[in-house]
Amino acid sequence: MNGRELKRVILATTDGVPGREITRCIGLVRGSTVRAKHVGTDIVAGFRNLVGGEIREYASLLTGAREQAIDRMVAEARAQDADAIVAIRFETSTITHAASEVVAYGTAVKLA
């Protein structure tokens, strides 16, 4: 990133950062992604449904989607010079039969 080290942004699902004082609320930051499943994944998942157990292909798909949504949320917070994002939440919704959206959102803040 232009030879600069990226600023570390603290992530918290709590309303604050333990041991740190919030000096300014910057506002809402969010990141989202829409992922579609692969037809091959559906076939493998169908077989797994017959015998039971974790459907690793879907778990992997959603893990990647959550990570990308977090990365996009953090990038938005960095662009606003935030020190932390508090009250982080996730939402997932179905867009179509074969695609889902994952959204990560929280409040960007400056810390003392």
Protein backbone atom coordinates (compact mmCIF):
# COMPACT_ATOMS: atom_id res chain seq x y z
CA MET A 1 0.00 0.00 0.00
CA ASN A 2 2.34 2.73 -1.29
CA GLY A 3 5.11 1.49 0.97
CA ARG A 4 3.19 2.52 4.09
CA GLU A 5 2.32 0.14 6.87
CA LEU A 6 -1.44 -0.16 7.29
CA LYS A 7 -2.81 1.21 10.53
CA ARG A 8 -4.07 -1.46 12.90
CA VAL A 9 -7.76 -1.09 13.70
CA ILE A 10 -9.02 -2.73 16.90
CA LEU A 11 -12.17 -4.80 16.39
CA ALA A 12 -14.67 -5.37 19.20
CA THR A 13 -18.15 -6.80 19.45
CA THR A 14 -18.55 -4.92 22.75
CA ASP A 15 -19.68 -1.29 23.01
CA GLY A 16 -16.16 -0.18 23.92
CA VAL A 17 -12.54 -1.29 24.08
CA PRO A 18 -11.58 -2.48 27.56
CA GLY A 19 -8.99 -0.19 29.11
CA ARG A 20 -9.36 2.47 26.40
CA GLU A 21 -11.48 5.61 26.32
CA ILE A 22 -13.52 6.49 23.24
CA THR A 23 -12.89 10.16 22.49
CA ARG A 24 -14.94 10.50 19.31
CA CYS A 25 -17.58 8.53 17.47
CA ILE A 26 -16.86 8.65 13.74
CA GLY A 27 -19.94 6.70 12.71
CA LEU A 28 -21.20 3.62 10.94
CA VAL A 29 -18.79 1.56 8.85
CA ARG A 30 -19.74 -1.53 6.91
CA GLY A 31 -18.49 -4.08 4.47
CA SER A 32 -20.43 -6.59 2.45
CA THR A 33 -20.05 -9.29 -0.13
CA VAL A 34 -22.41 -11.47 -2.12
CA ARG A 35 -21.32 -15.03 -2.72
CA ALA A 36 -22.82 -17.64 -5.01
CA LYS A 37 -22.42 -21.32 -4.45
CA HIS A 38 -20.94 -23.57 -7.12
CA VAL A 39 -23.12 -26.29 -8.64
CA GLY A 40 -20.48 -28.87 -7.64
CA THR A 41 -20.78 -27.70 -4.05
CA ASP A 42 -24.52 -28.31 -4.17
CA ILE A 43 -23.99 -31.87 -5.38
CA VAL A 44 -21.49 -32.66 -2.61
CA ALA A 45 -23.72 -30.93 -0.04
CA GLY A 46 -26.68 -33.02 -1.21
CA PHE A 47 -24.73 -36.20 -0.51
CA ARG A 48 -23.70 -34.90 2.92
CA ASN A 49 -27.34 -34.13 3.71
CA LEU A 50 -28.14 -37.80 3.20
CA VAL A 51 -25.59 -39.00 5.76
CA GLY A 52 -25.51 -35.96 8.05
CA GLY A 53 -22.62 -33.93 9.38
CA GLU A 54 -21.05 -30.59 8.65
CA ILE A 55 -21.21 -29.34 5.08
CA ARG A 56 -17.62 -28.12 4.90
CA GLU A 57 -18.02 -26.60 1.44
CA TYR A 58 -20.72 -24.19 2.63
CA ALA A 59 -18.87 -23.48 5.88
CA SER A 60 -15.77 -22.55 3.88
CA LEU A 61 -17.81 -20.35 1.54
CA LEU A 62 -19.35 -18.43 4.45
CA THR A 63 -16.04 -18.13 6.28
CA GLY A 64 -14.49 -16.50 3.22
CA ALA A 65 -17.49 -14.20 2.83
CA ARG A 66 -17.29 -13.07 6.48
CA GLU A 67 -13.56 -12.38 6.17
CA GLN A 68 -14.08 -10.32 3.02
CA ALA A 69 -16.90 -8.34 4.66
CA ILE A 70 -14.64 -7.64 7.68
CA ASP A 71 -11.77 -6.57 5.41
CA ARG A 72 -14.06 -4.12 3.57
CA MET A 73 -15.43 -2.73 6.84
CA VAL A 74 -11.89 -2.22 8.20
CA ALA A 75 -10.84 -0.49 4.96
CA GLU A 76 -13.73 1.95 5.35
CA ALA A 77 -12.71 2.62 8.98
CA ARG A 78 -9.06 3.18 7.97
CA ALA A 79 -10.16 5.66 5.32
CA GLN A 80 -11.84 7.64 8.12
CA ASP A 81 -8.74 7.35 10.37
CA ALA A 82 -10.53 5.26 13.00
CA ASP A 83 -8.61 3.57 15.80
CA ALA A 84 -11.27 0.93 16.46
CA ILE A 85 -14.62 -0.46 15.41
CA VAL A 86 -16.97 -1.29 18.25
CA ALA A 87 -20.36 -3.00 18.46
CA ILE A 88 -19.53 -5.16 15.42
CA ARG A 89 -22.38 -7.27 14.11
CA PHE A 90 -22.96 -9.60 11.16
CA GLU A 91 -26.04 -10.08 9.01
CA THR A 92 -26.63 -12.73 6.38
CA SER A 93 -29.43 -12.72 3.85
CA THR A 94 -30.42 -14.75 0.84
CA ILE A 95 -30.32 -12.82 -2.42
CA THR A 96 -31.43 -15.68 -4.67
CA HIS A 97 -31.64 -19.44 -4.29
CA ALA A 98 -27.92 -19.70 -5.09
CA ALA A 99 -26.45 -16.51 -3.57
CA SER A 100 -26.18 -14.94 -0.12
CA GLU A 101 -25.02 -11.58 1.17
CA VAL A 102 -22.87 -11.23 4.28
CA VAL A 103 -22.65 -7.79 5.90
CA ALA A 104 -20.33 -6.75 8.72
CA TYR A 105 -21.02 -3.43 10.41
CA GLY A 106 -20.06 -1.46 13.48
CA THR A 107 -19.23 1.96 14.84
CA ALA A 108 -15.87 3.50 13.95
CA VAL A 109 -14.30 5.42 16.86
CA LYS A 110 -11.18 7.33 17.89
CA LEU A 111 -9.48 6.23 21.11
CA ALA A 112 -7.52 8.21 23.70
